[in-house]
Amino acid sequence: MVKGLRKRVVTPLHLLSIVFIVVLSACSIQKAQKTLLQTTALKGAHVGIAVYNDTKQAWIDQYQSDHYFTPASNTKILATYVGLKYLGDSLPGFSMAENADTLFLTPLGDPSFLHPDFTYQPVVELIKNTKKQVVIQPTKANDQFGHMGNGWAWNDYGEDYQPERSRMPIYGNVVHFYQGNGKLFIKPFTFFKDITDISTVYQKNWTRKLVGNQFYTDSQKNTAPYFQVPFDSYFEPNLPVYLLQDTLKVKLNIGDDISKMPQQLVKTVPTDSLLKIMMRRSDNFFAEQVLLMGAQQLLGKMDDAAFIDSLLKNDFAGLPQKMRWVDGSGLSRYNLNTPENYVAILKKMQDEFGQKRVTHIFETGGEGTLSAYYKNFPGEIHAKTGSLGGQIALSGFIYTQKNQKLYFSILVSNHMSPTSAGVRKAVEAYLISVAQKN
């Protein structure tokens, strides 16, 4: 026997100490849960809690974790899974075919096309540099999706957080207004060519009519240096081609189906770069287009309902509870999910795509929609927020200072707090306690 090695003896006192520590930790978590549930901001609300220690393969806390809640923008976690699984390393921008004198392009739903967030525009360069005539097919007969999702608020059509969905998005499907120092810059300017004196509309609040693209100013003042108003391409399906033609000052043609021709894929921006913006800004438009792009890649058509049905029967067949999923962004109140499901989805994402890649996409404390929270968190947190009127959600990952990896989901429905800040602060305090005890 090697000198210095002694057989370890576990005495009853040691066992008692271990049991005491475990019980103390459990009591601390239960106390934190009780404090959260008794918060004034959550009075009368429904709350679901699921916290799982992946390092120890054990549940830390569960409260109504199998109950259903409106997840709001936590639905974007599902959209992120779609992007990582089905869109490849770079976004599928357009399908391209050509013959001796014509370049044929079919858009594939890429939201980065002429979007101000992305300077890399390979399709634009392709069109500008070709000497052939260009034919674009902005819609396809077999597509099955609405310009708005099921359960969206129809009267929010003019709000910047609810642009229309489309096969050929352009400029993010919104008009961009930039103003300052007495100057106003509008892009695309196509809808506003009758404006002859910018000073008459400077710092005015713009909106538009429900049908068509009749933009007008209301009585309110808008001093924001930058704002957006969605435009309508549902009732003008060829509008994206006309906007592109007006931007590039080149002749473009509307074409027929090119599916029987040999095609090649034109890829655009890195998928993860768009997903990162989508999650940190909680960009509804990006999430919706990711869902449509995923449908195109798997089914060969943009049919969001059929795509979701396929995902539920295959990718997400093993979830603890059956979920109701209807859109990419979480704008719909028809979505229903459980805290236990989100824990399972988060674990599935890290297992399939790797911890580093996934956590890089999720926001952390002091960033994005978490900019006011978790700045001095004891450990590392990566999460996605969610909010609709009366609904609050937060799901993600925690890496504690004791090297424990936790998955968590906290969903709140029907709170009556005047603002969401009180609810979010209570959730933050709870998660800090959880991180400190693990």
Protein backbone atom coordinates (compact mmCIF):
# COMPACT_ATOMS: atom_id res chain seq x y z
CA MET A 1 0.00 0.00 0.00
CA VAL A 2 1.27 3.46 -0.88
CA LYS A 3 2.21 5.43 2.19
CA GLY A 4 0.08 8.44 2.98
CA LEU A 5 -3.16 6.99 1.58
CA ARG A 6 -5.79 6.31 4.19
CA LYS A 7 -9.12 4.63 3.81
CA ARG A 8 -11.85 7.26 4.00
CA VAL A 9 -14.28 6.57 6.82
CA VAL A 10 -17.77 8.08 6.61
CA THR A 11 -19.03 8.52 10.14
CA PRO A 12 -22.64 9.11 11.16
CA LEU A 13 -21.62 12.70 11.90
CA HIS A 14 -20.46 13.15 8.29
CA LEU A 15 -23.74 11.74 6.97
CA LEU A 16 -25.70 13.99 9.27
CA SER A 17 -23.76 17.03 8.02
CA ILE A 18 -24.46 16.15 4.38
CA VAL A 19 -28.16 15.66 5.07
CA PHE A 20 -28.26 18.94 6.96
CA ILE A 21 -26.69 20.84 4.03
CA VAL A 22 -29.12 19.31 1.52
CA VAL A 23 -32.14 20.08 3.70
CA LEU A 24 -30.90 23.62 4.38
CA SER A 25 -30.49 24.27 0.65
CA ALA A 26 -33.96 22.91 -0.10
CA CYS A 27 -35.46 25.06 2.65
CA SER A 28 -33.70 28.13 1.26
CA ILE A 29 -35.14 27.48 -2.21
CA GLN A 30 -38.62 26.98 -0.77
CA LYS A 31 -38.26 30.24 1.13
CA ALA A 32 -37.24 32.03 -2.07
CA GLN A 33 -40.21 30.51 -3.88
CA LYS A 34 -42.59 31.63 -1.13
CA THR A 35 -41.16 35.17 -1.25
CA LEU A 36 -41.68 35.28 -5.01
CA LEU A 37 -45.26 34.01 -4.87
CA GLN A 38 -46.19 36.47 -2.11
CA THR A 39 -44.82 39.49 -3.97
CA THR A 40 -47.41 42.26 -4.24
CA ALA A 41 -46.86 42.54 -8.00
CA LEU A 42 -47.93 38.88 -8.38
CA LYS A 43 -51.08 39.10 -6.26
CA GLY A 44 -53.83 37.15 -8.03
CA ALA A 45 -51.51 36.03 -10.85
CA HIS A 46 -50.82 32.48 -12.01
CA VAL A 47 -47.16 31.48 -11.69
CA GLY A 48 -45.23 28.48 -12.98
CA ILE A 49 -41.68 27.63 -11.88
CA ALA A 50 -39.29 24.96 -13.13
CA VAL A 51 -35.60 24.89 -12.17
CA TYR A 52 -33.45 21.87 -13.05
CA ASN A 53 -29.85 21.19 -11.99
CA ASP A 54 -28.32 19.53 -15.03
CA THR A 55 -25.04 18.91 -13.22
CA LYS A 56 -26.76 16.84 -10.53
CA GLN A 57 -29.58 15.63 -12.81
CA ALA A 58 -32.19 16.74 -10.28
CA TRP A 59 -35.06 19.20 -9.96
CA ILE A 60 -34.35 22.11 -7.65
CA ASP A 61 -37.78 23.71 -7.68
CA GLN A 62 -41.15 23.04 -9.30
CA TYR A 63 -44.36 24.96 -8.81
CA GLN A 64 -47.23 24.46 -11.25
CA SER A 65 -44.49 23.52 -13.68
CA ASP A 66 -46.81 21.37 -15.79
CA HIS A 67 -49.48 24.08 -16.07
CA TYR A 68 -50.04 26.09 -19.24
CA PHE A 69 -49.18 29.77 -19.68
CA THR A 70 -49.05 32.31 -22.50
CA PRO A 71 -45.29 32.36 -23.18
CA ALA A 72 -45.18 35.62 -25.19
CA SER A 73 -41.67 36.13 -26.62
CA ASN A 74 -40.37 32.96 -25.01
CA THR A 75 -41.83 31.49 -28.21
CA LYS A 76 -38.70 32.89 -29.90
CA ILE A 77 -36.76 30.10 -28.17
CA LEU A 78 -38.61 27.74 -30.53
CA ALA A 79 -37.79 30.00 -33.48
CA THR A 80 -34.13 29.88 -32.44
CA TYR A 81 -34.26 26.09 -32.48
CA VAL A 82 -35.72 26.25 -36.01
CA GLY A 83 -32.94 28.55 -37.17
CA LEU A 84 -30.19 26.41 -35.70
CA LYS A 85 -31.67 23.15 -37.00
CA TYR A 86 -32.94 24.04 -40.47
CA LEU A 87 -31.25 27.17 -41.85
CA GLY A 88 -27.62 26.07 -42.03
CA ASP A 89 -24.60 28.23 -41.29
CA SER A 90 -25.86 31.12 -43.46
CA LEU A 91 -29.40 32.16 -44.32
CA PRO A 92 -30.95 30.87 -47.55
CA GLY A 93 -31.55 34.13 -49.40
CA PHE A 94 -32.79 33.39 -52.92
CA SER A 95 -32.98 30.44 -55.28
CA MET A 96 -31.30 31.35 -58.57
CA ALA A 97 -31.62 29.90 -62.07
CA GLU A 98 -30.39 31.31 -65.36
CA ASN A 99 -30.28 30.78 -69.08
CA ALA A 100 -28.44 32.59 -71.86
CA ASP A 101 -30.12 35.95 -71.35
CA THR A 102 -32.14 35.85 -68.10
CA LEU A 103 -31.43 35.59 -64.37
CA PHE A 104 -34.36 34.12 -62.42
CA LEU A 105 -34.68 34.72 -58.67
CA THR A 106 -37.11 33.25 -56.14
CA PRO A 107 -36.97 34.78 -52.63
CA LEU A 108 -36.82 32.39 -49.67
CA GLY A 109 -38.01 34.68 -46.87
CA ASP A 110 -34.65 36.13 -45.80
CA PRO A 111 -35.36 39.13 -43.49
CA SER A 112 -31.83 40.52 -43.91
CA PHE A 113 -32.55 41.60 -47.50
CA LEU A 114 -31.87 45.37 -47.65
CA HIS A 115 -32.34 45.50 -43.87
CA PRO A 116 -30.29 48.32 -42.27
CA ASP A 117 -28.83 45.88 -39.72
CA PHE A 118 -26.93 44.04 -42.47
CA THR A 119 -24.46 45.56 -44.92
CA TYR A 120 -23.70 42.24 -46.63
CA GLN A 121 -26.14 42.08 -49.56
CA PRO A 122 -24.98 39.44 -52.08
CA VAL A 123 -28.30 39.36 -53.97
CA VAL A 124 -28.20 43.12 -54.49
CA GLU A 125 -24.67 42.85 -55.85
CA LEU A 126 -25.74 39.98 -58.09
CA ILE A 127 -28.54 42.04 -59.61
CA LYS A 128 -26.38 45.15 -60.00
CA ASN A 129 -23.55 43.29 -61.71
CA THR A 130 -25.44 41.03 -64.12
CA LYS A 131 -25.90 42.01 -67.75
CA LYS A 132 -28.88 39.70 -68.09
CA GLN A 133 -32.48 40.69 -67.57
CA VAL A 134 -33.68 39.87 -64.06
CA VAL A 135 -36.96 38.07 -63.34
CA ILE A 136 -38.22 37.77 -59.75
CA GLN A 137 -41.09 35.66 -58.43
CA PRO A 138 -42.24 37.46 -55.23
CA THR A 139 -45.02 34.98 -54.36
CA LYS A 140 -45.73 31.27 -54.88
CA ALA A 141 -49.13 29.65 -55.33
CA ASN A 142 -48.48 26.81 -52.88
CA ASP A 143 -47.58 29.07 -49.94
CA GLN A 144 -49.97 28.79 -47.01
CA PHE A 145 -49.46 31.61 -44.51
CA GLY A 146 -51.15 34.85 -43.62
CA HIS A 147 -49.51 38.26 -43.61
CA MET A 148 -50.34 38.30 -39.90
CA GLY A 149 -50.21 35.33 -37.54
CA ASN A 150 -53.21 33.62 -35.96
CA GLY A 151 -54.21 35.43 -32.80
CA TRP A 152 -52.39 38.69 -33.55
CA ALA A 153 -54.04 42.00 -32.67
CA TRP A 154 -55.24 43.24 -36.08
CA ASN A 155 -55.37 46.89 -34.98
CA ASP A 156 -51.62 46.82 -34.24
CA TYR A 157 -50.94 46.66 -38.00
CA GLY A 158 -49.27 50.08 -37.89
CA GLU A 159 -47.01 49.37 -34.90
CA ASP A 160 -43.29 48.85 -35.46
CA TYR A 161 -43.30 45.54 -33.57
CA GLN A 162 -45.78 43.92 -35.99
CA PRO A 163 -44.51 44.08 -39.60
CA GLU A 164 -46.18 41.80 -42.12
CA ARG A 165 -44.77 38.39 -42.95
CA SER A 166 -43.84 37.73 -46.57
CA ARG A 167 -41.93 35.52 -48.98
CA MET A 168 -39.90 38.50 -50.17
CA PRO A 169 -39.21 40.79 -47.23
CA ILE A 170 -37.38 44.00 -48.02
CA TYR A 171 -36.21 46.78 -45.66
CA GLY A 172 -37.62 44.68 -42.81
CA ASN A 173 -41.11 45.30 -44.28
CA VAL A 174 -41.16 48.73 -42.63
CA VAL A 175 -40.54 52.32 -43.65
CA HIS A 176 -37.54 53.73 -41.77
CA PHE A 177 -37.71 57.37 -40.59
CA TYR A 178 -34.50 59.15 -39.53
CA GLN A 179 -34.72 62.73 -38.28
CA GLY A 180 -32.54 65.32 -36.60
CA ASN A 181 -31.22 68.88 -37.02
CA GLY A 182 -34.25 69.83 -39.06
CA LYS A 183 -33.69 67.02 -41.57
CA LEU A 184 -35.85 63.99 -42.31
CA PHE A 185 -34.63 60.94 -44.22
CA ILE A 186 -37.13 58.25 -45.24
CA LYS A 187 -36.26 54.82 -46.62
CA PRO A 188 -37.75 53.53 -48.85
CA PHE A 189 -38.93 56.89 -50.15
CA THR A 190 -41.24 55.38 -52.78
CA PHE A 191 -44.42 56.12 -50.81
CA PHE A 192 -43.54 59.76 -50.12
CA LYS A 193 -42.52 61.26 -53.46
CA ASP A 194 -45.31 63.82 -53.27
CA ILE A 195 -43.60 65.48 -50.27
CA THR A 196 -42.03 68.70 -51.54
CA ASP A 197 -41.28 70.43 -48.24
CA ILE A 198 -39.75 68.26 -45.50
CA SER A 199 -40.31 70.96 -42.87
CA THR A 200 -44.07 70.37 -43.05
CA VAL A 201 -43.71 66.78 -41.81
CA TYR A 202 -40.58 67.07 -39.64
CA GLN A 203 -41.11 65.56 -36.15
CA LYS A 204 -44.65 64.54 -37.06
CA ASN A 205 -46.02 61.14 -36.11
CA TRP A 206 -46.60 58.88 -39.09
CA THR A 207 -49.07 56.03 -39.48
CA ARG A 208 -50.96 54.43 -42.36
CA LYS A 209 -54.37 53.11 -43.32
CA LEU A 210 -55.13 49.43 -42.82
CA VAL A 211 -55.36 48.53 -46.51
CA GLY A 212 -52.82 49.82 -48.99
CA ASN A 213 -49.92 52.15 -48.37
CA GLN A 214 -51.53 55.48 -47.65
CA PHE A 215 -49.25 57.05 -45.05
CA TYR A 216 -50.26 60.17 -43.17
CA THR A 217 -49.35 62.21 -40.10
CA ASP A 218 -51.63 62.50 -37.10
CA SER A 219 -51.86 65.24 -34.49
CA GLN A 220 -49.12 63.82 -32.27
CA LYS A 221 -45.52 65.02 -32.26
CA ASN A 222 -42.72 62.50 -32.70
CA THR A 223 -39.23 63.69 -31.75
CA ALA A 224 -37.59 60.25 -31.87
CA PRO A 225 -34.42 60.27 -33.99
CA TYR A 226 -35.48 56.96 -35.53
CA PHE A 227 -38.79 55.15 -35.86
CA GLN A 228 -40.54 52.67 -38.14
CA VAL A 229 -43.98 52.13 -39.66
CA PRO A 230 -44.82 48.81 -41.37
CA PHE A 231 -45.86 48.93 -45.02
CA ASP A 232 -48.41 46.62 -46.65
CA SER A 233 -47.41 44.08 -49.28
CA TYR A 234 -50.31 41.68 -48.71
CA PHE A 235 -52.69 43.71 -50.88
CA GLU A 236 -49.80 44.66 -53.19
CA PRO A 237 -47.93 41.33 -53.64
CA ASN A 238 -45.55 42.71 -56.28
CA LEU A 239 -44.59 45.70 -54.13
CA PRO A 240 -41.21 44.25 -52.99
CA VAL A 241 -40.06 44.00 -56.61
CA TYR A 242 -41.15 47.58 -57.30
CA LEU A 243 -39.34 48.82 -54.18
CA LEU A 244 -36.18 46.98 -55.20
CA GLN A 245 -36.42 48.38 -58.71
CA ASP A 246 -36.85 51.90 -57.35
CA THR A 247 -33.87 51.43 -55.02
CA LEU A 248 -31.43 49.97 -57.55
CA LYS A 249 -32.68 51.98 -60.55
CA VAL A 250 -32.70 48.87 -62.73
CA LYS A 251 -35.45 47.20 -64.73
CA LEU A 252 -36.90 44.15 -62.96
CA ASN A 253 -39.57 41.76 -64.20
CA ILE A 254 -42.22 39.73 -62.40
CA GLY A 255 -41.82 36.05 -63.32
CA ASP A 256 -43.37 32.62 -63.15
CA ASP A 257 -42.42 29.47 -61.22
CA ILE A 258 -38.85 28.32 -61.93
CA SER A 259 -39.01 25.12 -59.87
CA LYS A 260 -38.38 22.91 -62.93
CA MET A 261 -35.15 24.70 -63.81
CA PRO A 262 -31.73 23.78 -62.34
CA GLN A 263 -31.24 26.09 -59.36
CA GLN A 264 -28.55 27.13 -56.96
CA LEU A 265 -28.88 28.67 -53.53
CA VAL A 266 -27.66 32.18 -52.82
CA LYS A 267 -26.76 32.34 -49.13
CA THR A 268 -26.58 35.61 -47.23
CA VAL A 269 -25.68 36.52 -43.63
CA PRO A 270 -24.54 34.04 -40.94
CA THR A 271 -27.59 32.46 -39.32
CA ASP A 272 -26.32 32.99 -35.78
CA SER A 273 -25.81 36.72 -36.35
CA LEU A 274 -29.49 37.17 -37.18
CA LEU A 275 -30.64 34.89 -34.35
CA LYS A 276 -28.54 36.86 -31.87
CA ILE A 277 -30.19 40.14 -32.89
CA MET A 278 -33.59 38.45 -32.88
CA MET A 279 -33.19 37.24 -29.31
CA ARG A 280 -31.55 40.32 -27.81
CA ARG A 281 -33.90 42.81 -29.43
CA SER A 282 -36.82 40.38 -29.24
CA ASP A 283 -37.42 41.06 -32.93
CA ASN A 284 -40.84 39.71 -33.90
CA PHE A 285 -40.27 40.13 -37.64
CA PHE A 286 -37.03 38.14 -37.65
CA ALA A 287 -38.68 35.34 -35.65
CA GLU A 288 -41.63 35.09 -38.04
CA GLN A 289 -39.39 34.98 -41.09
CA VAL A 290 -37.17 32.31 -39.48
CA LEU A 291 -40.27 30.15 -39.10
CA LEU A 292 -41.24 30.66 -42.76
CA MET A 293 -37.69 30.00 -43.95
CA GLY A 294 -37.62 26.79 -41.94
CA ALA A 295 -40.88 25.69 -43.55
CA GLN A 296 -39.45 26.40 -46.99
CA GLN A 297 -36.35 24.34 -46.28
CA LEU A 298 -38.19 21.33 -44.84
CA LEU A 299 -41.42 21.31 -46.86
CA GLY A 300 -40.48 23.16 -50.04
CA LYS A 301 -43.18 25.74 -49.35
CA MET A 302 -44.01 28.40 -46.80
CA ASP A 303 -46.70 26.75 -44.72
CA ASP A 304 -46.20 27.68 -41.09
CA ALA A 305 -49.02 25.51 -39.72
CA ALA A 306 -47.81 22.37 -41.53
CA PHE A 307 -44.22 23.08 -40.48
CA ILE A 308 -45.16 23.51 -36.82
CA ASP A 309 -47.22 20.32 -36.98
CA SER A 310 -44.19 18.44 -38.32
CA LEU A 311 -41.95 19.84 -35.58
CA LEU A 312 -44.41 18.87 -32.85
CA LYS A 313 -44.63 15.31 -34.18
CA ASN A 314 -40.89 14.89 -34.64
CA ASP A 315 -38.42 17.34 -33.07
CA PHE A 316 -40.57 18.06 -30.01
CA ALA A 317 -42.41 14.74 -29.71
CA GLY A 318 -40.68 13.89 -26.42
CA LEU A 319 -41.64 16.98 -24.41
CA PRO A 320 -43.23 16.45 -20.98
CA GLN A 321 -46.49 18.12 -22.07
CA LYS A 322 -48.16 18.79 -25.41
CA MET A 323 -47.81 22.46 -26.34
CA ARG A 324 -49.92 24.75 -28.51
CA TRP A 325 -47.68 26.68 -30.90
CA VAL A 326 -49.01 28.97 -33.63
CA ASP A 327 -46.40 31.60 -34.58
CA GLY A 328 -42.69 32.40 -34.50
CA SER A 329 -42.64 35.55 -32.40
CA GLY A 330 -45.07 34.96 -29.55
CA LEU A 331 -47.32 37.85 -30.55
CA SER A 332 -50.26 35.45 -30.55
CA ARG A 333 -52.17 34.74 -27.37
CA TYR A 334 -53.07 31.34 -28.82
CA ASN A 335 -49.62 30.00 -27.84
CA LEU A 336 -49.61 27.87 -24.69
CA ASN A 337 -46.61 26.21 -23.09
CA THR A 338 -45.35 24.96 -19.73
CA PRO A 339 -42.22 25.67 -17.66
CA GLU A 340 -41.25 21.98 -17.80
CA ASN A 341 -41.41 22.06 -21.59
CA TYR A 342 -39.08 25.04 -21.76
CA VAL A 343 -36.55 23.31 -19.52
CA ALA A 344 -36.68 20.28 -21.83
CA ILE A 345 -36.35 22.47 -24.95
CA LEU A 346 -33.36 24.35 -23.53
CA LYS A 347 -31.63 21.09 -22.66
CA LYS A 348 -32.39 19.72 -26.13
CA MET A 349 -30.88 22.82 -27.74
CA GLN A 350 -27.63 22.57 -25.80
CA ASP A 351 -27.41 18.83 -26.45
CA GLU A 352 -27.90 19.27 -30.21
CA PHE A 353 -26.06 22.53 -30.91
CA GLY A 354 -23.59 22.91 -28.06
CA GLN A 355 -23.47 25.11 -24.99
CA LYS A 356 -21.18 27.77 -26.45
CA ARG A 357 -23.22 28.35 -29.59
CA VAL A 358 -26.57 28.50 -27.83
CA THR A 359 -25.56 30.75 -24.94
CA HIS A 360 -23.87 33.13 -27.39
CA ILE A 361 -27.26 33.71 -29.02
CA PHE A 362 -29.19 34.23 -25.77
CA GLU A 363 -28.89 37.59 -24.03
CA THR A 364 -27.23 37.93 -20.64
CA GLY A 365 -27.57 40.35 -17.72
CA GLY A 366 -27.32 44.02 -18.68
CA GLU A 367 -27.97 43.32 -22.39
CA GLY A 368 -30.96 43.69 -24.69
CA THR A 369 -34.28 43.18 -22.94
CA LEU A 370 -32.30 42.28 -19.78
CA SER A 371 -30.46 45.62 -19.81
CA ALA A 372 -31.95 46.70 -16.47
CA TYR A 373 -31.58 43.33 -14.75
CA TYR A 374 -29.03 40.71 -13.60
CA LYS A 375 -26.08 43.11 -13.84
CA ASN A 376 -24.42 41.72 -10.69
CA PHE A 377 -25.69 38.18 -10.94
CA PRO A 378 -23.80 35.59 -8.83
CA GLY A 379 -22.65 33.49 -11.75
CA GLU A 380 -23.65 33.61 -15.39
CA ILE A 381 -27.18 33.87 -16.80
CA HIS A 382 -28.37 33.56 -20.41
CA ALA A 383 -32.10 33.93 -20.92
CA LYS A 384 -35.01 35.10 -23.04
CA THR A 385 -37.67 37.45 -21.75
CA GLY A 386 -41.29 37.59 -22.80
CA SER A 387 -44.11 40.04 -22.22
CA LEU A 388 -47.66 40.70 -23.34
CA GLY A 389 -50.34 42.55 -21.42
CA GLY A 390 -50.57 40.71 -18.09
CA GLN A 391 -48.02 38.06 -19.14
CA ILE A 392 -44.34 37.79 -18.17
CA ALA A 393 -41.88 35.04 -19.05
CA LEU A 394 -38.21 34.27 -18.51
CA SER A 395 -36.47 31.04 -19.50
CA GLY A 396 -32.81 30.21 -19.87
CA PHE A 397 -29.55 28.92 -18.40
CA ILE A 398 -27.63 29.65 -15.22
CA TYR A 399 -23.98 28.72 -14.58
CA THR A 400 -23.37 29.17 -10.87
CA GLN A 401 -20.17 30.12 -9.08
CA LYS A 402 -20.10 26.53 -7.75
CA ASN A 403 -19.91 25.21 -11.34
CA GLN A 404 -23.51 24.01 -11.48
CA LYS A 405 -25.49 24.24 -14.74
CA LEU A 406 -29.17 25.04 -14.27
CA TYR A 407 -32.08 25.26 -16.69
CA PHE A 408 -35.01 27.38 -15.61
CA SER A 409 -38.36 28.70 -16.78
CA ILE A 410 -40.64 31.09 -14.92
CA LEU A 411 -43.95 31.93 -16.56
CA VAL A 412 -46.51 34.41 -15.19
CA SER A 413 -50.04 34.88 -16.49
CA ASN A 414 -52.73 37.42 -15.64
CA HIS A 415 -50.77 39.71 -13.35
CA MET A 416 -52.40 43.08 -12.66
CA SER A 417 -49.25 45.01 -11.79
CA PRO A 418 -49.29 48.50 -13.40
CA THR A 419 -45.90 47.76 -14.97
CA SER A 420 -43.87 44.63 -15.59
CA ALA A 421 -40.89 45.95 -13.60
CA GLY A 422 -42.24 44.77 -10.24
CA VAL A 423 -42.75 41.26 -11.57
CA ARG A 424 -39.33 41.15 -13.22
CA LYS A 425 -37.60 42.39 -10.05
CA ALA A 426 -39.29 39.66 -8.01
CA VAL A 427 -38.20 37.00 -10.50
CA GLU A 428 -34.67 38.42 -10.46
CA ALA A 429 -34.50 38.20 -6.65
CA TYR A 430 -35.71 34.60 -6.78
CA LEU A 431 -33.12 33.54 -9.37
CA ILE A 432 -30.33 35.25 -7.45
CA SER A 433 -31.29 33.16 -4.40
CA VAL A 434 -31.34 30.00 -6.52
CA ALA A 435 -27.91 30.75 -7.97
CA GLN A 436 -26.41 31.50 -4.55
CA LYS A 437 -27.62 28.18 -3.11
CA ASN A 438 -26.32 25.99 -5.97
